[in-house]
Amino acid sequence: MTLFATPSVRGSETSPVSLVRHTILQTQRLLLRSVRHPVAMLETLIIPCLLLFMLDTVIGGQIEKFTGGDGLYGSVPMVAIVGALSGAVASGVMLGRERDAGLLARFWVLPVHRASGLLARILAEGCRIFAGTVIVVVVGYLLGFRFQQGVLAALMFLLVPVLFGLAFATIVTAIAVYTAKATLVEGITILSSLLMFFSTGFVPLVAYPQWIQPVVRNQPLSVAVDAMRALALGGPLARPLTLTIIWSLGAIIMFAVPAAVGYRRASRR
């Protein structure tokens, strides 16, 4: 009863104070729901860790023989980003279910700041991606992964999947609020799988046929992996990091307005 008090008790529902308070409360709700949801935990934490272990066991030695370098410096970044993408799809599915169940409409008629719902989802998604990235790095550390460029570079390494994942989550949210079919949102996993298998994190660029190397080298997942590899191991950083920022901000700018409009429309159904 005290979660969202009346305006006379806590001020206007449109005030900045209410926005902050309601956003924090709804972020807590979303994070608790994710922790208690087995599918979300599976796709966010368990599967990425198993994928990293499998990649290191099956092809890690071959990559080291082929390139002379440890394959973990490509696998750890790739798995961290793929975990962010998979979690975003799971969140999109749950958003669609909340809309169909009428939960979004119930929040709409309560004295809750209108913007807090969408902002809370952004914050919760960012926290989830950051936690998932840390866990993947810990598993990578146990397998032999090390940061060799200092603390600041390590922090930037952890933030790249957050930026990339939030961009992807914006796309998923824009789709989830407009369609009633969860299968359409889940179908985005096909795209993320293609990005993974045709990226420089899966195998080195020279292992791909020459005709497809330009696509592999410049696709969003590859440039993010290259940026994270440079932050952890060293090497050219400016180009992949710049392209990662451009890809991510471009997706956010393109899909943020449709996501916001669709979320508002879904809440008023």
C-alpha atoms as a PDB file:
ATOM      1  CA  MET A   1       0.000   0.000   0.000  1.00  0.00           C
ATOM      2  CA  THR A   2       2.953   2.329   0.552  1.00  0.00           C
ATOM      3  CA  LEU A   3       4.780   1.506  -2.658  1.00  0.00           C
ATOM      4  CA  PHE A   4       3.282   4.417  -4.556  1.00  0.00           C
ATOM      5  CA  ALA A   5       1.680   6.793  -2.095  1.00  0.00           C
ATOM      6  CA  THR A   6      -0.834   9.461  -2.984  1.00  0.00           C
ATOM      7  CA  PRO A   7       0.453  12.840  -4.221  1.00  0.00           C
ATOM      8  CA  SER A   8      -0.545  14.511  -0.943  1.00  0.00           C
ATOM      9  CA  VAL A   9       1.879  12.260   0.935  1.00  0.00           C
ATOM     10  CA  ARG A  10       4.891  12.219  -1.367  1.00  0.00           C
ATOM     11  CA  GLY A  11       4.405  15.155  -3.650  1.00  0.00           C
ATOM     12  CA  SER A  12       3.228  15.369  -7.219  1.00  0.00           C
ATOM     13  CA  GLU A  13       3.557  12.215  -9.285  1.00  0.00           C
ATOM     14  CA  THR A  14       5.139  14.311 -12.050  1.00  0.00           C
ATOM     15  CA  SER A  15       7.857  15.834  -9.864  1.00  0.00           C
ATOM     16  CA  PRO A  16      11.567  14.965 -10.291  1.00  0.00           C
ATOM     17  CA  VAL A  17      11.621  13.507  -6.774  1.00  0.00           C
ATOM     18  CA  SER A  18       8.797  11.143  -7.678  1.00  0.00           C
ATOM     19  CA  LEU A  19      10.573  10.187 -10.884  1.00  0.00           C
ATOM     20  CA  VAL A  20      13.713   9.183  -8.981  1.00  0.00           C
ATOM     21  CA  ARG A  21      11.806   7.343  -6.244  1.00  0.00           C
ATOM     22  CA  HIS A  22       9.488   5.472  -8.589  1.00  0.00           C
ATOM     23  CA  THR A  23      12.320   4.585 -10.961  1.00  0.00           C
ATOM     24  CA  ILE A  24      14.341   3.060  -8.107  1.00  0.00           C
ATOM     25  CA  LEU A  25      11.336   1.084  -6.856  1.00  0.00           C
ATOM     26  CA  GLN A  26      10.490  -0.282 -10.279  1.00  0.00           C
ATOM     27  CA  THR A  27      14.141  -1.087 -10.966  1.00  0.00           C
ATOM     28  CA  GLN A  28      14.198  -3.159  -7.775  1.00  0.00           C
ATOM     29  CA  ARG A  29      11.029  -4.916  -8.906  1.00  0.00           C
ATOM     30  CA  LEU A  30      12.508  -5.800 -12.288  1.00  0.00           C
ATOM     31  CA  LEU A  31      15.793  -7.010 -10.825  1.00  0.00           C
ATOM     32  CA  LEU A  32      14.003  -9.212  -8.287  1.00  0.00           C
ATOM     33  CA  ARG A  33      11.811 -10.614 -11.035  1.00  0.00           C
ATOM     34  CA  SER A  34      14.885 -11.444 -13.125  1.00  0.00           C
ATOM     35  CA  VAL A  35      16.600 -13.158 -10.204  1.00  0.00           C
ATOM     36  CA  ARG A  36      13.503 -15.255  -9.526  1.00  0.00           C
ATOM     37  CA  HIS A  37      12.903 -16.083 -13.193  1.00  0.00           C
ATOM     38  CA  PRO A  38      14.765 -19.308 -14.095  1.00  0.00           C
ATOM     39  CA  VAL A  39      14.826 -18.649 -17.840  1.00  0.00           C
ATOM     40  CA  ALA A  40      16.293 -15.175 -17.385  1.00  0.00           C
ATOM     41  CA  MET A  41      18.975 -16.509 -15.038  1.00  0.00           C
ATOM     42  CA  LEU A  42      19.732 -19.331 -17.458  1.00  0.00           C
ATOM     43  CA  GLU A  43      20.152 -17.075 -20.482  1.00  0.00           C
ATOM     44  CA  THR A  44      21.971 -14.316 -18.594  1.00  0.00           C
ATOM     45  CA  LEU A  45      24.436 -16.250 -16.443  1.00  0.00           C
ATOM     46  CA  ILE A  46      24.558 -20.012 -16.871  1.00  0.00           C
ATOM     47  CA  ILE A  47      24.511 -20.412 -20.653  1.00  0.00           C
ATOM     48  CA  PRO A  48      27.176 -17.726 -21.315  1.00  0.00           C
ATOM     49  CA  CYS A  49      29.532 -19.352 -18.766  1.00  0.00           C
ATOM     50  CA  LEU A  50      28.969 -22.792 -20.283  1.00  0.00           C
ATOM     51  CA  LEU A  51      29.469 -21.349 -23.766  1.00  0.00           C
ATOM     52  CA  LEU A  52      32.767 -19.765 -22.730  1.00  0.00           C
ATOM     53  CA  PHE A  53      33.997 -23.022 -21.207  1.00  0.00           C
ATOM     54  CA  MET A  54      32.961 -24.956 -24.315  1.00  0.00           C
ATOM     55  CA  LEU A  55      34.646 -22.538 -26.710  1.00  0.00           C
ATOM     56  CA  ASP A  56      37.873 -22.583 -24.726  1.00  0.00           C
ATOM     57  CA  THR A  57      37.828 -26.380 -24.519  1.00  0.00           C
ATOM     58  CA  VAL A  58      36.886 -27.141 -28.135  1.00  0.00           C
ATOM     59  CA  ILE A  59      38.528 -24.442 -30.254  1.00  0.00           C
ATOM     60  CA  GLY A  60      40.714 -22.499 -27.831  1.00  0.00           C
ATOM     61  CA  GLY A  61      43.786 -24.638 -28.499  1.00  0.00           C
ATOM     62  CA  GLN A  62      43.257 -24.513 -32.262  1.00  0.00           C
ATOM     63  CA  ILE A  63      43.003 -20.727 -32.240  1.00  0.00           C
ATOM     64  CA  GLU A  64      46.210 -20.493 -30.195  1.00  0.00           C
ATOM     65  CA  LYS A  65      48.031 -22.729 -32.698  1.00  0.00           C
ATOM     66  CA  PHE A  66      46.611 -20.758 -35.629  1.00  0.00           C
ATOM     67  CA  THR A  67      47.320 -17.252 -34.333  1.00  0.00           C
ATOM     68  CA  GLY A  68      49.892 -17.746 -31.611  1.00  0.00           C
ATOM     69  CA  GLY A  69      47.628 -15.913 -29.136  1.00  0.00           C
ATOM     70  CA  ASP A  70      45.173 -17.002 -26.466  1.00  0.00           C
ATOM     71  CA  GLY A  71      41.669 -17.422 -27.873  1.00  0.00           C
ATOM     72  CA  LEU A  72      40.153 -16.271 -24.569  1.00  0.00           C
ATOM     73  CA  TYR A  73      40.815 -12.644 -25.516  1.00  0.00           C
ATOM     74  CA  GLY A  74      38.235 -13.057 -28.261  1.00  0.00           C
ATOM     75  CA  SER A  75      35.924 -15.541 -26.544  1.00  0.00           C
ATOM     76  CA  VAL A  76      35.455 -13.645 -23.270  1.00  0.00           C
ATOM     77  CA  PRO A  77      34.340 -10.382 -24.971  1.00  0.00           C
ATOM     78  CA  MET A  78      32.111 -12.238 -27.418  1.00  0.00           C
ATOM     79  CA  VAL A  79      30.405 -14.334 -24.734  1.00  0.00           C
ATOM     80  CA  ALA A  80      29.885 -11.268 -22.512  1.00  0.00           C
ATOM     81  CA  ILE A  81      28.122  -9.459 -25.355  1.00  0.00           C
ATOM     82  CA  VAL A  82      26.107 -12.512 -26.418  1.00  0.00           C
ATOM     83  CA  GLY A  83      24.940 -12.871 -22.815  1.00  0.00           C
ATOM     84  CA  ALA A  84      23.777  -9.261 -22.903  1.00  0.00           C
ATOM     85  CA  LEU A  85      21.861  -9.898 -26.127  1.00  0.00           C
ATOM     86  CA  SER A  86      20.228 -13.077 -24.825  1.00  0.00           C
ATOM     87  CA  GLY A  87      19.156 -11.353 -21.629  1.00  0.00           C
ATOM     88  CA  ALA A  88      17.664  -8.491 -23.632  1.00  0.00           C
ATOM     89  CA  VAL A  89      15.524 -10.941 -25.594  1.00  0.00           C
ATOM     90  CA  ALA A  90      14.323 -12.586 -22.354  1.00  0.00           C
ATOM     91  CA  SER A  91      13.447  -9.151 -20.957  1.00  0.00           C
ATOM     92  CA  GLY A  92      11.543  -8.337 -24.134  1.00  0.00           C
ATOM     93  CA  VAL A  93       9.500 -11.515 -23.822  1.00  0.00           C
ATOM     94  CA  MET A  94       8.644 -10.724 -20.197  1.00  0.00           C
ATOM     95  CA  LEU A  95       7.698  -7.166 -21.190  1.00  0.00           C
ATOM     96  CA  GLY A  96       5.251  -8.546 -23.728  1.00  0.00           C
ATOM     97  CA  ARG A  97       3.755 -10.824 -21.094  1.00  0.00           C
ATOM     98  CA  GLU A  98       3.349  -7.938 -18.651  1.00  0.00           C
ATOM     99  CA  ARG A  99       1.554  -5.962 -21.330  1.00  0.00           C
ATOM    100  CA  ASP A 100      -0.772  -8.854 -22.195  1.00  0.00           C
ATOM    101  CA  ALA A 101      -1.484  -9.493 -18.499  1.00  0.00           C
ATOM    102  CA  GLY A 102      -2.476  -5.856 -18.018  1.00  0.00           C
ATOM    103  CA  LEU A 103       0.285  -5.030 -15.537  1.00  0.00           C
ATOM    104  CA  LEU A 104       1.515  -2.053 -17.577  1.00  0.00           C
ATOM    105  CA  ALA A 105      -2.048  -0.689 -17.712  1.00  0.00           C
ATOM    106  CA  ARG A 106      -2.365  -1.017 -13.927  1.00  0.00           C
ATOM    107  CA  PHE A 107       0.766   1.040 -13.384  1.00  0.00           C
ATOM    108  CA  TRP A 108      -0.605   3.617 -15.813  1.00  0.00           C
ATOM    109  CA  VAL A 109      -3.666   4.361 -13.661  1.00  0.00           C
ATOM    110  CA  LEU A 110      -1.676   4.480 -10.406  1.00  0.00           C
ATOM    111  CA  PRO A 111      -0.059   7.716  -9.127  1.00  0.00           C
ATOM    112  CA  VAL A 112       3.252   6.704 -10.712  1.00  0.00           C
ATOM    113  CA  HIS A 113       5.536   8.941 -12.764  1.00  0.00           C
ATOM    114  CA  ARG A 114       4.904   8.074 -16.416  1.00  0.00           C
ATOM    115  CA  ALA A 115       8.595   7.933 -17.331  1.00  0.00           C
ATOM    116  CA  SER A 116       9.675   5.756 -14.419  1.00  0.00           C
ATOM    117  CA  GLY A 117       8.619   2.466 -16.016  1.00  0.00           C
ATOM    118  CA  LEU A 118      10.808   2.817 -19.092  1.00  0.00           C
ATOM    119  CA  LEU A 119      13.721   4.356 -17.189  1.00  0.00           C
ATOM    120  CA  ALA A 120      13.561   1.519 -14.670  1.00  0.00           C
ATOM    121  CA  ARG A 121      13.830  -1.024 -17.462  1.00  0.00           C
ATOM    122  CA  ILE A 122      16.921   0.736 -18.805  1.00  0.00           C
ATOM    123  CA  LEU A 123      18.561   0.784 -15.369  1.00  0.00           C
ATOM    124  CA  ALA A 124      17.637  -2.821 -14.623  1.00  0.00           C
ATOM    125  CA  GLU A 125      18.960  -3.929 -18.000  1.00  0.00           C
ATOM    126  CA  GLY A 126      22.220  -2.065 -17.439  1.00  0.00           C
ATOM    127  CA  CYS A 127      22.672  -3.651 -13.991  1.00  0.00           C
ATOM    128  CA  ARG A 128      21.913  -7.096 -15.366  1.00  0.00           C
ATOM    129  CA  ILE A 129      24.372  -6.743 -18.242  1.00  0.00           C
ATOM    130  CA  PHE A 130      27.117  -5.416 -15.966  1.00  0.00           C
ATOM    131  CA  ALA A 131      26.634  -8.279 -13.483  1.00  0.00           C
ATOM    132  CA  GLY A 132      26.611 -10.837 -16.288  1.00  0.00           C
ATOM    133  CA  THR A 133      29.792  -9.380 -17.772  1.00  0.00           C
ATOM    134  CA  VAL A 134      31.562  -9.527 -14.401  1.00  0.00           C
ATOM    135  CA  ILE A 135      30.609 -13.192 -13.983  1.00  0.00           C
ATOM    136  CA  VAL A 136      31.833 -14.065 -17.486  1.00  0.00           C
ATOM    137  CA  VAL A 137      35.120 -12.281 -16.762  1.00  0.00           C
ATOM    138  CA  VAL A 138      35.492 -14.217 -13.504  1.00  0.00           C
ATOM    139  CA  VAL A 139      35.022 -17.509 -15.366  1.00  0.00           C
ATOM    140  CA  GLY A 140      37.473 -16.303 -18.018  1.00  0.00           C
ATOM    141  CA  TYR A 141      39.943 -15.412 -15.289  1.00  0.00           C
ATOM    142  CA  LEU A 142      39.752 -18.970 -13.977  1.00  0.00           C
ATOM    143  CA  LEU A 143      40.526 -20.204 -17.505  1.00  0.00           C
ATOM    144  CA  GLY A 144      43.511 -17.870 -17.925  1.00  0.00           C
ATOM    145  CA  PHE A 145      42.102 -14.522 -19.068  1.00  0.00           C
ATOM    146  CA  ARG A 146      43.938 -11.471 -17.673  1.00  0.00           C
ATOM    147  CA  PHE A 147      43.686  -7.684 -17.979  1.00  0.00           C
ATOM    148  CA  GLN A 148      47.013  -6.329 -19.174  1.00  0.00           C
ATOM    149  CA  GLN A 149      46.203  -2.656 -19.801  1.00  0.00           C
ATOM    150  CA  GLY A 150      45.454  -1.337 -16.315  1.00  0.00           C
ATOM    151  CA  VAL A 151      42.425  -0.612 -14.172  1.00  0.00           C
ATOM    152  CA  LEU A 152      40.890   2.106 -16.367  1.00  0.00           C
ATOM    153  CA  ALA A 153      41.008  -0.117 -19.440  1.00  0.00           C
ATOM    154  CA  ALA A 154      39.453  -2.959 -17.431  1.00  0.00           C
ATOM    155  CA  LEU A 155      36.581  -0.710 -16.363  1.00  0.00           C
ATOM    156  CA  MET A 156      36.010   0.385 -19.961  1.00  0.00           C
ATOM    157  CA  PHE A 157      36.071  -3.304 -20.931  1.00  0.00           C
ATOM    158  CA  LEU A 158      33.155  -3.963 -18.553  1.00  0.00           C
ATOM    159  CA  LEU A 159      31.187  -0.964 -19.863  1.00  0.00           C
ATOM    160  CA  VAL A 160      31.344  -1.871 -23.572  1.00  0.00           C
ATOM    161  CA  PRO A 161      28.809  -4.754 -23.236  1.00  0.00           C
ATOM    162  CA  VAL A 162      26.554  -2.427 -21.214  1.00  0.00           C
ATOM    163  CA  LEU A 163      26.448   0.140 -24.019  1.00  0.00           C
ATOM    164  CA  PHE A 164      26.078  -2.516 -26.702  1.00  0.00           C
ATOM    165  CA  GLY A 165      23.443  -4.422 -24.716  1.00  0.00           C
ATOM    166  CA  LEU A 166      21.357  -1.317 -24.001  1.00  0.00           C
ATOM    167  CA  ALA A 167      21.323  -0.519 -27.711  1.00  0.00           C
ATOM    168  CA  PHE A 168      20.113  -4.030 -28.498  1.00  0.00           C
ATOM    169  CA  ALA A 169      17.592  -3.859 -25.634  1.00  0.00           C
ATOM    170  CA  THR A 170      16.173  -0.665 -27.155  1.00  0.00           C
ATOM    171  CA  ILE A 171      15.547  -2.542 -30.404  1.00  0.00           C
ATOM    172  CA  VAL A 172      13.954  -5.482 -28.571  1.00  0.00           C
ATOM    173  CA  THR A 173      11.744  -3.162 -26.503  1.00  0.00           C
ATOM    174  CA  ALA A 174      10.538  -1.351 -29.616  1.00  0.00           C
ATOM    175  CA  ILE A 175       9.532  -4.699 -31.113  1.00  0.00           C
ATOM    176  CA  ALA A 176       8.056  -6.154 -27.915  1.00  0.00           C
ATOM    177  CA  VAL A 177       5.652  -3.271 -27.268  1.00  0.00           C
ATOM    178  CA  TYR A 178       4.224  -3.376 -30.781  1.00  0.00           C
ATOM    179  CA  THR A 179       3.745  -7.091 -31.338  1.00  0.00           C
ATOM    180  CA  ALA A 180       1.651  -9.554 -29.393  1.00  0.00           C
ATOM    181  CA  LYS A 181       3.747 -12.512 -30.499  1.00  0.00           C
ATOM    182  CA  ALA A 182       6.636 -13.464 -28.234  1.00  0.00           C
ATOM    183  CA  THR A 183       7.992 -15.642 -31.037  1.00  0.00           C
ATOM    184  CA  LEU A 184       8.851 -12.519 -33.036  1.00  0.00           C
ATOM    185  CA  VAL A 185      10.959 -11.175 -30.192  1.00  0.00           C
ATOM    186  CA  GLU A 186      12.539 -14.574 -29.619  1.00  0.00           C
ATOM    187  CA  GLY A 187      13.297 -14.727 -33.337  1.00  0.00           C
ATOM    188  CA  ILE A 188      15.835 -11.979 -32.776  1.00  0.00           C
ATOM    189  CA  THR A 189      18.045 -14.680 -31.252  1.00  0.00           C
ATOM    190  CA  ILE A 190      18.647 -15.891 -34.798  1.00  0.00           C
ATOM    191  CA  LEU A 191      20.198 -12.527 -35.596  1.00  0.00           C
ATOM    192  CA  SER A 192      22.361 -12.602 -32.480  1.00  0.00           C
ATOM    193  CA  SER A 193      23.502 -16.133 -33.338  1.00  0.00           C
ATOM    194  CA  LEU A 194      24.529 -15.036 -36.828  1.00  0.00           C
ATOM    195  CA  LEU A 195      26.415 -12.094 -35.361  1.00  0.00           C
ATOM    196  CA  MET A 196      28.228 -14.466 -33.021  1.00  0.00           C
ATOM    197  CA  PHE A 197      29.248 -17.082 -35.572  1.00  0.00           C
ATOM    198  CA  PHE A 198      30.364 -14.453 -38.084  1.00  0.00           C
ATOM    199  CA  SER A 199      32.442 -12.355 -35.701  1.00  0.00           C
ATOM    200  CA  THR A 200      36.116 -11.984 -34.899  1.00  0.00           C
ATOM    201  CA  GLY A 201      35.398 -13.265 -31.403  1.00  0.00           C
ATOM    202  CA  PHE A 202      34.416 -16.700 -32.654  1.00  0.00           C
ATOM    203  CA  VAL A 203      37.460 -17.303 -34.854  1.00  0.00           C
ATOM    204  CA  PRO A 204      40.140 -14.909 -36.204  1.00  0.00           C
ATOM    205  CA  LEU A 205      39.221 -12.780 -39.197  1.00  0.00           C
ATOM    206  CA  VAL A 206      41.668 -14.576 -41.521  1.00  0.00           C
ATOM    207  CA  ALA A 207      39.818 -17.853 -40.913  1.00  0.00           C
ATOM    208  CA  TYR A 208      36.790 -16.587 -42.855  1.00  0.00           C
ATOM    209  CA  PRO A 209      36.572 -16.640 -46.664  1.00  0.00           C
ATOM    210  CA  GLN A 210      38.078 -13.500 -48.120  1.00  0.00           C
ATOM    211  CA  TRP A 211      34.847 -12.356 -49.753  1.00  0.00           C
ATOM    212  CA  ILE A 212      33.031 -12.107 -46.403  1.00  0.00           C
ATOM    213  CA  GLN A 213      35.889 -10.682 -44.339  1.00  0.00           C
ATOM    214  CA  PRO A 214      34.838  -7.014 -44.823  1.00  0.00           C
ATOM    215  CA  VAL A 215      31.361  -7.842 -43.468  1.00  0.00           C
ATOM    216  CA  VAL A 216      32.748  -9.793 -40.528  1.00  0.00           C
ATOM    217  CA  ARG A 217      35.303  -7.104 -39.714  1.00  0.00           C
ATOM    218  CA  ASN A 218      32.790  -4.236 -39.631  1.00  0.00           C
ATOM    219  CA  GLN A 219      29.663  -5.833 -38.179  1.00  0.00           C
ATOM    220  CA  PRO A 220      28.615  -4.552 -34.722  1.00  0.00           C
ATOM    221  CA  LEU A 221      29.626  -7.576 -32.655  1.00  0.00           C
ATOM    222  CA  SER A 222      33.070  -7.806 -34.247  1.00  0.00           C
ATOM    223  CA  VAL A 223      33.991  -4.191 -33.622  1.00  0.00           C
ATOM    224  CA  ALA A 224      32.808  -4.469 -30.009  1.00  0.00           C
ATOM    225  CA  VAL A 225      34.890  -7.632 -29.534  1.00  0.00           C
ATOM    226  CA  ASP A 226      37.922  -5.973 -31.127  1.00  0.00           C
ATOM    227  CA  ALA A 227      37.540  -2.967 -28.831  1.00  0.00           C
ATOM    228  CA  MET A 228      37.305  -5.173 -25.745  1.00  0.00           C
ATOM    229  CA  ARG A 229      40.277  -7.269 -26.884  1.00  0.00           C
ATOM    230  CA  ALA A 230      42.346  -4.112 -27.236  1.00  0.00           C
ATOM    231  CA  LEU A 231      41.258  -2.925 -23.791  1.00  0.00           C
ATOM    232  CA  ALA A 232      42.285  -6.237 -22.217  1.00  0.00           C
ATOM    233  CA  LEU A 233      45.313  -7.292 -24.243  1.00  0.00           C
ATOM    234  CA  GLY A 234      46.412  -4.240 -26.189  1.00  0.00           C
ATOM    235  CA  GLY A 235      46.373  -3.290 -29.854  1.00  0.00           C
ATOM    236  CA  PRO A 236      44.484  -0.808 -32.045  1.00  0.00           C
ATOM    237  CA  LEU A 237      41.622   0.677 -30.037  1.00  0.00           C
ATOM    238  CA  ALA A 238      40.425   3.915 -31.653  1.00  0.00           C
ATOM    239  CA  ARG A 239      38.721   2.399 -34.717  1.00  0.00           C
ATOM    240  CA  PRO A 240      36.782  -0.487 -33.089  1.00  0.00           C
ATOM    241  CA  LEU A 241      35.776   1.607 -30.078  1.00  0.00           C
ATOM    242  CA  THR A 242      34.562   4.454 -32.308  1.00  0.00           C
ATOM    243  CA  LEU A 243      32.566   2.054 -34.485  1.00  0.00           C
ATOM    244  CA  THR A 244      31.087   0.398 -31.398  1.00  0.00           C
ATOM    245  CA  ILE A 245      29.898   3.758 -30.105  1.00  0.00           C
ATOM    246  CA  ILE A 246      28.496   4.695 -33.523  1.00  0.00           C
ATOM    247  CA  TRP A 247      26.651   1.371 -33.914  1.00  0.00           C
ATOM    248  CA  SER A 248      25.249   1.537 -30.367  1.00  0.00           C
ATOM    249  CA  LEU A 249      24.207   5.190 -30.339  1.00  0.00           C
ATOM    250  CA  GLY A 250      22.778   4.824 -33.833  1.00  0.00           C
ATOM    251  CA  ALA A 251      20.515   1.975 -32.705  1.00  0.00           C
ATOM    252  CA  ILE A 252      19.452   3.866 -29.583  1.00  0.00           C
ATOM    253  CA  ILE A 253      18.645   7.029 -31.537  1.00  0.00           C
ATOM    254  CA  MET A 254      16.740   5.103 -34.197  1.00  0.00           C
ATOM    255  CA  PHE A 255      14.624   2.946 -31.881  1.00  0.00           C
ATOM    256  CA  ALA A 256      14.312   5.030 -28.688  1.00  0.00           C
ATOM    257  CA  VAL A 257      11.325   7.075 -29.877  1.00  0.00           C
ATOM    258  CA  PRO A 258       9.384   4.064 -31.247  1.00  0.00           C
ATOM    259  CA  ALA A 259      10.135   2.203 -28.004  1.00  0.00           C
ATOM    260  CA  ALA A 260       8.909   5.103 -25.850  1.00  0.00           C
ATOM    261  CA  VAL A 261       5.778   5.671 -27.955  1.00  0.00           C
ATOM    262  CA  GLY A 262       5.022   1.955 -28.066  1.00  0.00           C
ATOM    263  CA  TYR A 263       5.541   1.577 -24.313  1.00  0.00           C
ATOM    264  CA  ARG A 264       3.149   4.446 -23.651  1.00  0.00           C
ATOM    265  CA  ARG A 265       0.582   2.955 -26.033  1.00  0.00           C
ATOM    266  CA  ALA A 266       0.938  -0.514 -24.499  1.00  0.00           C
ATOM    267  CA  SER A 267       0.487   0.952 -21.004  1.00  0.00           C
ATOM    268  CA  ARG A 268      -2.809   2.601 -21.987  1.00  0.00           C
ATOM    269  CA  ARG A 269      -4.367  -0.544 -23.458  1.00  0.00           C
END
